[in-house]
N, C-alpha and C. Protein backbone atom coordinates (compact mmCIF):
# COMPACT_ATOMS: atom_id res chain seq x y z
N UNK A 1 -27.54 74.71 202.14
CA UNK A 1 -26.93 73.90 201.88
C UNK A 1 -26.48 74.73 200.87
N UNK A 2 -25.32 73.87 199.85
CA UNK A 2 -25.26 74.43 198.50
C UNK A 2 -26.21 73.91 197.77
N UNK A 3 -25.98 74.55 196.47
CA UNK A 3 -26.83 74.08 195.26
C UNK A 3 -26.33 72.39 194.80
N UNK A 4 -24.61 72.67 194.60
CA UNK A 4 -24.80 71.88 194.35
C UNK A 4 -24.33 70.25 195.12
N UNK A 5 -24.46 70.68 196.54
CA UNK A 5 -24.23 69.58 197.42
C UNK A 5 -26.15 68.71 197.16
N UNK A 6 -26.79 69.91 196.74
CA UNK A 6 -28.87 69.20 197.09
C UNK A 6 -28.52 68.52 195.48
N UNK A 7 -28.51 68.66 194.50
CA UNK A 7 -28.27 68.10 193.22
C UNK A 7 -27.31 66.47 193.29
N UNK A 8 -26.50 66.50 194.04
CA UNK A 8 -25.90 65.01 194.23
C UNK A 8 -26.70 64.22 195.10
N UNK A 9 -27.11 64.97 195.54
CA UNK A 9 -27.78 64.15 196.67
C UNK A 9 -29.03 63.64 195.77
N UNK A 10 -29.67 64.46 195.03
CA UNK A 10 -31.24 64.19 194.24
C UNK A 10 -30.37 62.88 193.64
N UNK A 11 -28.80 62.98 192.62
CA UNK A 11 -28.34 62.21 191.86
C UNK A 11 -28.20 60.74 192.66
N UNK A 12 -27.43 60.70 193.49
CA UNK A 12 -27.27 59.90 194.27
C UNK A 12 -28.24 59.05 194.76
N UNK A 13 -29.65 59.27 194.79
CA UNK A 13 -30.89 59.11 195.31
C UNK A 13 -31.71 58.37 194.10
N UNK A 14 -31.44 59.12 192.93
CA UNK A 14 -32.29 58.42 191.46
C UNK A 14 -31.52 57.09 191.48
N UNK A 15 -32.97 56.26 191.72
CA UNK A 15 -32.62 54.69 191.15
C UNK A 15 -33.33 54.33 190.07
N UNK A 16 -34.38 55.45 188.95
CA UNK A 16 -34.57 54.80 187.88
C UNK A 16 -34.56 55.90 187.02
N UNK A 17 -34.25 56.21 186.02
CA UNK A 17 -34.40 56.92 185.10
C UNK A 17 -35.24 57.09 183.65
N UNK A 18 -35.68 58.49 183.86
CA UNK A 18 -36.69 58.20 182.49
C UNK A 18 -36.42 58.75 181.40
N UNK A 19 -36.33 58.83 180.02
CA UNK A 19 -36.64 59.60 179.08
C UNK A 19 -37.14 60.42 178.82
N UNK A 20 -37.28 61.59 178.03
CA UNK A 20 -37.97 62.78 177.70
C UNK A 20 -38.99 62.18 176.78
N UNK A 21 -40.16 62.41 177.06
CA UNK A 21 -40.98 61.97 176.37
C UNK A 21 -40.92 62.61 175.38
N UNK A 22 -41.25 61.84 174.01
CA UNK A 22 -41.32 62.82 172.20
C UNK A 22 -42.55 63.77 172.91
N UNK A 23 -42.82 65.00 172.34
CA UNK A 23 -44.42 65.78 172.75
C UNK A 23 -44.40 66.25 171.15
N UNK A 24 -45.28 66.48 170.61
CA UNK A 24 -45.93 66.77 169.38
C UNK A 24 -46.73 68.45 170.36
N UNK A 25 -46.73 69.34 169.70
CA UNK A 25 -47.62 69.99 170.09
C UNK A 25 -47.97 70.71 169.09
N UNK A 26 -49.21 70.86 169.47
CA UNK A 26 -50.68 71.57 168.27
C UNK A 26 -50.33 72.91 168.27
N UNK A 27 -49.54 73.51 167.90
CA UNK A 27 -49.30 75.22 168.20
C UNK A 27 -50.33 75.44 167.13
N UNK A 28 -50.71 76.88 167.62
CA UNK A 28 -51.53 77.98 166.64
C UNK A 28 -51.00 78.35 165.40
N UNK A 29 -51.74 77.87 164.45
CA UNK A 29 -51.38 78.36 162.88
C UNK A 29 -52.40 79.19 162.28
N UNK A 30 -51.80 80.04 161.67
CA UNK A 30 -52.87 81.22 161.04
C UNK A 30 -52.68 80.94 159.50
N UNK A 31 -53.97 80.44 159.00
CA UNK A 31 -53.73 80.80 157.27
C UNK A 31 -52.91 82.18 156.22
N UNK A 32 -53.45 83.42 156.81
CA UNK A 32 -52.38 84.15 156.77
C UNK A 32 -51.21 85.24 157.65
N UNK A 33 -50.83 84.23 157.85
CA UNK A 33 -49.48 84.69 158.88
C UNK A 33 -49.04 86.07 158.42
N UNK A 34 -49.42 86.62 157.63
CA UNK A 34 -48.46 88.35 157.33
C UNK A 34 -50.02 89.19 157.78
N UNK A 35 -51.32 88.75 157.48
CA UNK A 35 -52.43 89.85 158.10
C UNK A 35 -52.31 89.48 159.60
N UNK A 36 -51.78 88.49 159.84
CA UNK A 36 -51.99 88.07 161.53
C UNK A 36 -51.03 89.27 162.55
N UNK A 37 -49.98 88.69 161.84
CA UNK A 37 -48.89 89.11 162.21
C UNK A 37 -49.43 91.02 161.94
N UNK A 38 -49.33 91.61 161.28
CA UNK A 38 -49.67 92.93 160.94
C UNK A 38 -50.91 93.25 162.52
N UNK A 39 -52.06 92.65 162.38
CA UNK A 39 -52.52 92.71 163.16
C UNK A 39 -52.19 92.82 164.49
N UNK A 40 -52.08 91.96 165.20
CA UNK A 40 -51.13 91.56 166.55
C UNK A 40 -50.10 92.61 166.79
N UNK A 41 -49.69 93.16 165.60
CA UNK A 41 -48.49 94.27 165.80
C UNK A 41 -49.01 95.43 166.16
N UNK A 42 -50.20 95.91 165.72
CA UNK A 42 -50.86 97.22 166.04
C UNK A 42 -51.67 96.98 167.39
N UNK A 43 -51.96 95.67 167.19
CA UNK A 43 -52.75 95.30 168.90
C UNK A 43 -51.95 95.67 169.71
N UNK A 44 -50.54 95.80 169.69
CA UNK A 44 -48.99 95.63 170.99
C UNK A 44 -48.67 96.88 170.94
N UNK A 45 -49.17 98.38 169.78
CA UNK A 45 -49.05 99.48 169.91
C UNK A 45 -47.98 100.01 169.11
N UNK A 46 -47.41 98.90 167.92
CA UNK A 46 -46.15 99.76 167.09
C UNK A 46 -47.22 100.10 165.88
N UNK A 47 -46.32 100.51 165.06
CA UNK A 47 -46.88 101.09 163.93
C UNK A 47 -46.44 99.96 162.75
N UNK A 48 -47.07 99.85 161.51
CA UNK A 48 -46.52 99.01 160.70
C UNK A 48 -46.87 99.63 159.27
N UNK A 49 -45.59 99.36 158.79
CA UNK A 49 -45.38 100.66 157.52
C UNK A 49 -44.72 98.81 156.61
N UNK A 50 -45.35 99.52 155.10
CA UNK A 50 -44.94 98.58 154.38
C UNK A 50 -43.91 98.65 153.34
N UNK A 51 -43.03 98.15 152.84
CA UNK A 51 -41.74 98.88 152.11
C UNK A 51 -41.59 98.20 150.87
N UNK A 52 -41.02 98.20 149.78
CA UNK A 52 -40.14 97.08 149.08
C UNK A 52 -38.24 97.46 149.58
N UNK A 53 -37.64 96.68 149.32
CA UNK A 53 -36.25 96.61 149.77
C UNK A 53 -35.79 97.99 148.61
N UNK A 54 -36.24 97.83 147.26
CA UNK A 54 -36.45 99.16 146.85
C UNK A 54 -35.95 100.35 147.03
N UNK A 55 -37.13 100.82 148.00
CA UNK A 55 -37.68 101.98 147.90
C UNK A 55 -36.18 102.18 148.82
N UNK A 56 -36.26 104.09 149.30
CA UNK A 56 -35.34 104.97 150.17
C UNK A 56 -35.84 104.40 151.35
N UNK A 57 -35.16 103.63 151.52
CA UNK A 57 -35.62 103.45 153.32
C UNK A 57 -35.17 104.45 154.39
N UNK A 58 -34.11 105.01 154.25
CA UNK A 58 -33.50 106.48 155.14
C UNK A 58 -34.51 107.48 154.66
N UNK A 59 -35.03 107.80 154.06
CA UNK A 59 -36.34 108.65 153.63
C UNK A 59 -37.11 108.58 154.04
N UNK A 60 -37.97 107.08 154.22
CA UNK A 60 -38.97 106.98 154.74
C UNK A 60 -39.24 106.48 155.76
N UNK A 61 -37.97 106.52 156.62
CA UNK A 61 -37.36 106.36 158.34
C UNK A 61 -37.66 108.18 158.22
N UNK A 62 -36.80 108.78 157.70
CA UNK A 62 -37.15 110.31 158.18
C UNK A 62 -38.57 110.92 158.20
N UNK A 63 -39.46 110.35 157.36
CA UNK A 63 -40.31 111.22 156.89
C UNK A 63 -41.44 110.58 158.36
N UNK A 64 -41.13 109.24 158.79
CA UNK A 64 -41.77 108.61 159.88
C UNK A 64 -41.58 109.38 160.90
N UNK A 65 -40.13 110.00 161.32
CA UNK A 65 -39.70 110.71 162.55
C UNK A 65 -39.31 111.93 161.98
N UNK A 66 -39.96 112.87 161.58
CA UNK A 66 -39.67 114.00 161.08
C UNK A 66 -39.09 114.98 162.04
N UNK A 67 -39.16 114.70 163.21
CA UNK A 67 -38.75 115.99 164.14
C UNK A 67 -37.33 115.11 164.44
N UNK A 68 -36.89 113.50 164.60
CA UNK A 68 -36.09 113.48 164.90
C UNK A 68 -34.81 113.83 164.29
N UNK A 69 -33.51 113.90 165.41
CA UNK A 69 -32.16 114.54 164.83
C UNK A 69 -31.24 113.93 164.92
N UNK A 70 -31.21 112.61 166.11
CA UNK A 70 -30.28 111.82 166.16
C UNK A 70 -30.45 110.26 165.98
N UNK A 71 -30.29 109.95 164.50
CA UNK A 71 -30.19 108.34 164.00
C UNK A 71 -29.33 107.30 164.47
N UNK A 72 -29.24 106.20 165.05
CA UNK A 72 -28.38 105.13 165.16
C UNK A 72 -28.60 104.48 164.32
N UNK A 73 -27.33 103.65 163.62
CA UNK A 73 -27.88 102.35 163.30
C UNK A 73 -26.45 101.49 162.93
N UNK A 74 -26.47 100.50 162.60
CA UNK A 74 -25.02 100.16 161.56
C UNK A 74 -25.50 99.26 160.81
N UNK A 75 -26.66 99.21 160.18
CA UNK A 75 -26.99 98.83 158.74
C UNK A 75 -25.85 99.48 157.34
N UNK A 76 -25.34 98.55 156.53
CA UNK A 76 -24.78 99.27 155.80
C UNK A 76 -25.66 100.30 155.24
N UNK A 77 -26.72 100.05 154.90
CA UNK A 77 -27.94 100.96 153.58
C UNK A 77 -28.68 101.97 154.77
N UNK A 78 -27.96 102.19 155.57
CA UNK A 78 -28.72 103.17 156.28
C UNK A 78 -28.01 104.16 156.82
N UNK A 79 -27.93 105.31 155.64
CA UNK A 79 -27.08 106.63 155.78
C UNK A 79 -27.25 107.59 156.83
N UNK A 80 -28.23 107.68 156.98
CA UNK A 80 -28.98 108.91 158.12
C UNK A 80 -28.53 108.92 159.54
N UNK A 81 -28.11 107.78 159.81
CA UNK A 81 -27.14 107.42 160.87
C UNK A 81 -26.39 107.92 161.41
N UNK A 82 -26.04 109.15 162.59
CA UNK A 82 -25.07 109.76 162.95
C UNK A 82 -24.11 109.00 163.96
N UNK A 83 -25.35 108.02 164.79
CA UNK A 83 -24.35 107.54 165.40
C UNK A 83 -24.65 105.88 164.88
N UNK A 84 -23.20 104.97 165.16
CA UNK A 84 -23.06 103.25 165.14
C UNK A 84 -22.50 102.93 165.94
N UNK A 85 -23.67 102.11 166.80
CA UNK A 85 -23.46 101.20 167.52
C UNK A 85 -22.39 100.12 167.67
N UNK A 86 -21.71 99.66 166.45
CA UNK A 86 -20.65 99.22 166.25
C UNK A 86 -18.97 99.71 166.63
N UNK A 87 -19.40 101.60 166.70
CA UNK A 87 -18.05 102.37 166.99
C UNK A 87 -18.44 103.77 167.83
N UNK A 88 -19.20 102.86 168.59
CA UNK A 88 -19.12 104.00 169.91
C UNK A 88 -17.98 103.20 170.87
N UNK A 89 -17.68 104.07 171.91
CA UNK A 89 -16.86 104.18 172.67
C UNK A 89 -17.32 103.15 174.02
N UNK A 90 -18.69 103.05 173.98
CA UNK A 90 -19.64 102.92 175.18
C UNK A 90 -21.00 102.98 174.61
N UNK A 91 -21.99 102.28 175.55
CA UNK A 91 -23.19 102.11 175.08
C UNK A 91 -23.72 103.40 175.45
N UNK A 92 -23.23 104.51 176.85
CA UNK A 92 -24.22 105.32 176.96
C UNK A 92 -24.04 106.25 176.20
N UNK A 93 -22.65 106.27 174.83
CA UNK A 93 -22.45 107.33 173.97
C UNK A 93 -24.09 107.40 173.05
N UNK A 94 -24.77 106.29 173.25
CA UNK A 94 -26.25 105.95 172.22
C UNK A 94 -27.08 106.62 172.79
N UNK A 95 -27.08 107.32 173.89
CA UNK A 95 -27.79 108.02 174.94
C UNK A 95 -28.08 109.56 174.17
N UNK A 96 -29.41 109.73 174.20
CA UNK A 96 -30.03 110.93 173.46
C UNK A 96 -30.47 110.27 171.80
N UNK A 97 -30.69 109.32 171.33
CA UNK A 97 -30.73 109.08 170.22
C UNK A 97 -32.22 108.83 170.04
N UNK A 98 -32.61 109.90 169.26
CA UNK A 98 -33.95 109.62 168.74
C UNK A 98 -34.66 108.52 168.37
N UNK A 99 -33.74 108.03 166.96
CA UNK A 99 -34.53 107.01 166.10
C UNK A 99 -33.15 105.88 166.48
N UNK A 100 -33.39 104.48 166.78
CA UNK A 100 -32.67 103.50 166.04
C UNK A 100 -32.93 102.69 165.55
N UNK A 101 -32.61 102.17 164.65
CA UNK A 101 -33.02 101.64 163.26
C UNK A 101 -31.75 100.03 163.34
N UNK A 102 -33.12 98.87 163.42
CA UNK A 102 -32.06 97.50 163.68
C UNK A 102 -32.47 96.54 162.91
N UNK A 103 -32.39 95.35 162.48
CA UNK A 103 -32.81 94.42 162.03
C UNK A 103 -33.68 93.06 162.51
N UNK A 104 -34.46 92.93 162.26
CA UNK A 104 -35.68 91.72 162.95
C UNK A 104 -34.83 90.64 161.98
N UNK A 105 -35.19 89.90 162.22
CA UNK A 105 -35.12 88.75 161.79
C UNK A 105 -36.16 87.30 161.70
N UNK A 106 -37.03 87.83 162.40
CA UNK A 106 -38.02 86.88 162.73
C UNK A 106 -39.69 87.15 163.14
N UNK A 107 -40.50 87.59 162.49
CA UNK A 107 -41.60 87.73 163.05
C UNK A 107 -42.30 86.64 163.01
N UNK A 108 -43.45 87.06 164.41
CA UNK A 108 -44.37 85.79 164.97
C UNK A 108 -45.43 86.47 165.29
N UNK A 109 -46.41 85.60 164.57
CA UNK A 109 -47.74 86.69 164.21
C UNK A 109 -48.54 86.68 165.26
N UNK A 110 -48.54 84.99 166.22
CA UNK A 110 -49.35 85.27 167.55
C UNK A 110 -49.54 85.98 168.82
N UNK A 111 -47.88 86.94 168.72
CA UNK A 111 -47.71 88.09 169.95
C UNK A 111 -47.10 88.91 169.34
N UNK A 112 -46.80 89.33 168.31
CA UNK A 112 -46.31 90.26 167.27
C UNK A 112 -44.91 90.65 167.68
N UNK A 113 -44.13 89.76 168.48
CA UNK A 113 -42.28 89.48 168.21
C UNK A 113 -42.28 89.33 167.55
N UNK A 114 -40.85 90.28 167.28
CA UNK A 114 -39.95 90.32 166.16
C UNK A 114 -38.40 89.82 166.71
N UNK A 115 -37.71 88.87 166.68
CA UNK A 115 -36.49 88.44 167.18
C UNK A 115 -35.49 89.44 166.15
N UNK A 116 -34.82 90.18 167.56
CA UNK A 116 -33.60 90.82 166.45
C UNK A 116 -32.47 90.49 167.73
N UNK A 117 -31.68 89.78 166.64
CA UNK A 117 -30.35 89.57 166.84
C UNK A 117 -28.90 90.57 167.19
N UNK A 118 -28.19 90.21 168.01
CA UNK A 118 -27.47 91.32 168.64
C UNK A 118 -26.34 91.23 167.39
N UNK A 119 -26.42 92.05 166.16
CA UNK A 119 -24.97 91.76 165.46
C UNK A 119 -24.43 93.43 165.62
N UNK A 120 -24.74 93.77 166.34
CA UNK A 120 -23.47 95.20 166.83
C UNK A 120 -23.12 94.93 168.06
N UNK A 121 -22.36 95.91 167.93
CA UNK A 121 -21.35 95.64 169.29
C UNK A 121 -22.40 96.43 170.70
N UNK A 122 -22.73 97.33 170.35
CA UNK A 122 -23.54 97.45 171.65
C UNK A 122 -24.59 97.89 171.39
N UNK A 123 -25.93 96.56 172.21
CA UNK A 123 -27.14 96.33 171.85
C UNK A 123 -27.82 97.09 172.93
N UNK A 124 -27.33 98.04 173.43
CA UNK A 124 -28.01 99.42 173.94
C UNK A 124 -28.69 100.08 173.06
N UNK A 125 -28.55 100.24 171.89
CA UNK A 125 -29.71 101.22 170.61
C UNK A 125 -30.77 100.59 170.98
N UNK A 126 -30.83 99.18 170.77
CA UNK A 126 -32.17 98.61 170.97
C UNK A 126 -33.34 99.36 172.31
N UNK A 127 -32.97 99.29 172.72
CA UNK A 127 -33.22 99.97 174.27
C UNK A 127 -33.24 101.31 175.05
N UNK A 128 -32.41 102.08 174.76
CA UNK A 128 -32.07 103.71 174.49
C UNK A 128 -32.41 104.40 173.73
N UNK A 129 -32.88 103.85 172.82
CA UNK A 129 -33.25 105.27 171.99
C UNK A 129 -34.93 105.52 172.20
N UNK A 130 -35.21 106.82 171.55
CA UNK A 130 -36.69 107.35 171.84
C UNK A 130 -37.36 106.36 171.29
N UNK A 131 -37.20 105.91 170.10
CA UNK A 131 -38.15 105.23 168.99
C UNK A 131 -36.63 104.53 168.48
N UNK A 132 -37.99 103.03 168.18
CA UNK A 132 -37.30 101.95 167.02
C UNK A 132 -37.93 101.57 166.13
N UNK A 133 -36.78 101.33 165.18
CA UNK A 133 -37.53 101.02 163.94
C UNK A 133 -36.94 99.99 163.61
N UNK A 134 -37.86 98.53 163.68
CA UNK A 134 -37.25 97.42 163.24
C UNK A 134 -37.73 97.04 161.62
N UNK A 135 -36.64 96.48 160.88
CA UNK A 135 -36.71 96.29 159.52
C UNK A 135 -36.70 94.90 159.21
N UNK A 136 -38.12 94.25 158.97
CA UNK A 136 -38.53 93.03 158.52
C UNK A 136 -39.11 92.22 157.72
N UNK A 137 -38.21 91.51 156.97
CA UNK A 137 -38.49 90.66 155.51
C UNK A 137 -39.83 89.86 155.35
N UNK A 138 -40.44 90.09 154.63
CA UNK A 138 -42.04 89.72 154.94
C UNK A 138 -41.93 88.19 155.01
N UNK A 139 -41.25 87.27 154.26
CA UNK A 139 -41.04 86.06 154.16
C UNK A 139 -40.54 85.46 155.58
N UNK A 140 -39.80 85.99 156.26
CA UNK A 140 -39.64 85.82 157.82
C UNK A 140 -40.98 85.80 158.63
N UNK A 141 -41.79 85.55 158.28
CA UNK A 141 -43.29 85.79 159.12
C UNK A 141 -43.66 84.35 159.67
N UNK A 142 -43.79 84.09 160.75
CA UNK A 142 -43.93 82.80 161.17
C UNK A 142 -45.49 82.70 162.03
N UNK A 143 -46.18 81.87 161.87
CA UNK A 143 -47.07 81.80 162.89
C UNK A 143 -47.40 81.74 164.68
N UNK A 144 -45.86 81.23 164.88
CA UNK A 144 -45.74 80.75 166.36
C UNK A 144 -44.79 81.24 167.43
N UNK A 145 -44.59 80.97 167.97
CA UNK A 145 -43.04 80.65 169.40
C UNK A 145 -42.33 79.89 168.39
N UNK A 146 -42.78 78.66 168.50
CA UNK A 146 -42.48 77.29 168.12
C UNK A 146 -41.74 77.52 166.87
N UNK A 147 -42.70 77.95 165.99
CA UNK A 147 -41.70 78.04 164.68
C UNK A 147 -40.43 79.22 164.64
N UNK A 148 -40.65 80.17 165.23
CA UNK A 148 -39.76 80.91 165.65
C UNK A 148 -38.30 80.44 166.12
N UNK A 149 -38.33 79.96 167.26
CA UNK A 149 -37.21 79.15 168.25
C UNK A 149 -36.51 78.03 167.15
N UNK A 150 -37.29 77.47 166.27
CA UNK A 150 -36.44 77.09 165.00
C UNK A 150 -35.54 77.52 164.45
N UNK A 151 -36.28 78.76 164.20
CA UNK A 151 -35.27 79.73 163.33
C UNK A 151 -34.09 80.50 163.57
N UNK A 152 -34.18 80.70 164.93
CA UNK A 152 -33.55 81.28 165.30
C UNK A 152 -32.08 81.48 165.43
N UNK A 153 -31.46 81.96 165.13
CA UNK A 153 -29.72 82.26 164.52
C UNK A 153 -28.76 83.06 165.11
N UNK A 154 -28.19 82.06 166.29
CA UNK A 154 -27.29 83.35 167.04
C UNK A 154 -26.02 83.57 166.43
N UNK A 155 -25.70 85.13 166.46
CA UNK A 155 -24.58 85.48 165.79
C UNK A 155 -23.19 85.16 167.00
N UNK A 156 -22.35 84.56 166.09
CA UNK A 156 -21.40 83.87 167.28
C UNK A 156 -20.60 85.10 167.86
N UNK A 157 -20.73 85.82 167.46
CA UNK A 157 -19.71 87.04 167.98
C UNK A 157 -20.25 87.71 169.42
N UNK A 158 -21.36 87.83 169.49
CA UNK A 158 -22.16 88.28 170.64
C UNK A 158 -23.21 87.05 171.19
N UNK A 159 -23.61 86.24 170.67
CA UNK A 159 -24.47 85.34 171.52
C UNK A 159 -25.78 85.78 171.96
N UNK A 160 -26.25 87.11 171.77
CA UNK A 160 -27.08 87.59 172.59
C UNK A 160 -28.74 88.11 171.33
N UNK A 161 -29.75 88.28 171.59
CA UNK A 161 -30.87 88.49 171.00
C UNK A 161 -31.97 88.41 171.66
N UNK A 162 -33.20 89.43 171.54
CA UNK A 162 -34.22 89.92 172.07
C UNK A 162 -35.54 89.66 170.87
N UNK A 163 -36.46 89.32 172.11
CA UNK A 163 -37.65 89.57 171.14
C UNK A 163 -38.38 91.17 171.56
N UNK A 164 -38.41 91.80 170.30
CA UNK A 164 -39.54 92.94 171.05
C UNK A 164 -40.67 92.90 170.01
N UNK A 165 -41.77 93.27 171.38
CA UNK A 165 -43.26 93.66 171.00
C UNK A 165 -43.72 94.71 171.33
N UNK A 166 -43.85 95.57 169.89
CA UNK A 166 -44.61 96.78 170.33
C UNK A 166 -43.24 97.85 171.37
N UNK A 167 -43.86 98.72 171.56
CA UNK A 167 -43.26 99.61 172.24
C UNK A 167 -43.24 99.94 173.89
N UNK A 168 -42.42 99.62 174.53
CA UNK A 168 -42.33 99.20 176.24
C UNK A 168 -43.33 100.65 176.67
N UNK A 169 -44.06 99.60 177.49
CA UNK A 169 -45.10 100.18 178.43
C UNK A 169 -45.69 99.57 179.87
N UNK A 170 -45.28 100.34 181.11
CA UNK A 170 -45.98 99.76 182.29
C UNK A 170 -46.78 100.72 182.83
N UNK A 171 -47.79 99.75 183.79
CA UNK A 171 -48.91 100.80 184.56
C UNK A 171 -48.73 100.28 185.84
N UNK A 172 -48.42 101.71 186.75
CA UNK A 172 -48.08 101.11 188.29
C UNK A 172 -50.06 100.98 188.74
N UNK A 173 -49.95 100.76 189.87
CA UNK A 173 -51.08 99.79 190.49
C UNK A 173 -52.01 101.09 190.92
N UNK A 174 -51.87 102.51 190.32
CA UNK A 174 -53.04 103.54 190.07
C UNK A 174 -53.17 103.44 188.69
N UNK A 175 -52.38 102.55 187.83
CA UNK A 175 -53.23 102.68 186.62
C UNK A 175 -52.74 103.52 185.68
N UNK A 176 -51.57 104.02 186.20
CA UNK A 176 -51.16 105.06 185.17
C UNK A 176 -49.87 104.77 184.15
N UNK A 177 -50.55 104.70 183.38
CA UNK A 177 -49.62 103.90 182.19
C UNK A 177 -48.24 104.32 181.70
N UNK A 178 -47.50 104.74 181.59
CA UNK A 178 -45.85 104.84 180.94
C UNK A 178 -45.57 104.39 179.97
N UNK A 179 -45.26 105.06 178.87
CA UNK A 179 -44.70 104.76 177.80
C UNK A 179 -43.14 104.79 177.70
N UNK A 180 -42.61 103.80 177.46
CA UNK A 180 -41.01 104.15 177.22
C UNK A 180 -40.00 104.13 178.55
N UNK A 181 -41.23 103.03 179.61
CA UNK A 181 -40.54 103.35 181.02
C UNK A 181 -38.92 102.31 180.88
N UNK A 182 -38.89 101.28 179.91
CA UNK A 182 -37.85 100.08 180.27
C UNK A 182 -37.24 100.18 178.63
N UNK A 183 -37.31 100.70 177.37
CA UNK A 183 -37.12 100.82 176.54
C UNK A 183 -37.52 101.73 175.61
N UNK A 184 -37.84 101.65 174.09
CA UNK A 184 -38.40 102.59 173.37
C UNK A 184 -40.20 103.23 173.57
N UNK A 185 -40.34 104.12 173.57
CA UNK A 185 -41.32 104.46 173.51
C UNK A 185 -42.41 104.93 172.13
N UNK A 186 -41.96 103.90 171.08
CA UNK A 186 -43.00 104.27 169.83
C UNK A 186 -41.86 102.90 169.42
N UNK A 187 -42.65 102.07 168.69
CA UNK A 187 -41.61 101.29 167.56
C UNK A 187 -42.73 101.19 166.69
N UNK A 188 -41.52 101.25 165.52
CA UNK A 188 -42.47 100.47 164.16
C UNK A 188 -41.56 99.98 163.17
N UNK A 189 -42.57 98.64 162.72
CA UNK A 189 -41.91 97.34 162.01
C UNK A 189 -42.34 97.85 160.63
N UNK A 190 -41.20 97.90 160.08
CA UNK A 190 -41.23 98.20 158.65
C UNK A 190 -40.66 96.61 158.02
N UNK A 191 -41.88 96.64 157.02
CA UNK A 191 -41.83 95.49 156.37
C UNK A 191 -41.52 95.56 155.14
N UNK A 192 -40.30 94.40 154.60
CA UNK A 192 -39.98 94.70 153.41
C UNK A 192 -40.05 93.61 152.69
N UNK A 193 -40.88 93.77 151.45
CA UNK A 193 -41.54 92.85 150.57
C UNK A 193 -40.18 92.36 149.13
């Protein structure tokens, strides 16, 4: 039976419909969302670096990753990037990127997630880079996912975004932990004040 046929049968045999109830969810909040975000981000395995918007972010990133040779970013104020995800021909051109630098728009204290909307042609920079630096404005940190979802604003050109929480890691049945299995092996969240 096709999905459409099944749904049509359900509609035909539904005699009474009910409105969805109004639900007020008492989500977890924190008195100091910034401190909690820093704590959970470090627990998730990411580095946290504090900076001012007036700091030399290029030099700070270079100091964080002194052995990196290839940087990628489409942010106009990141001048150390040799690769730009807006101008590469295809996503595979971002392969061998040591450090990707992207802008996060919302940080979530309860789980260390940072919302990274796709604002570049090739979103692969978020996943193919060996290390990822996420820039996040301090005032954009919220307590929980309920607050975060209310603030998500998609770029209409791409209509995609993702929550990133720390480096990619997985462990198999033998409990061998592998870093960077599906995405970056290391993440730094640079919080801008």
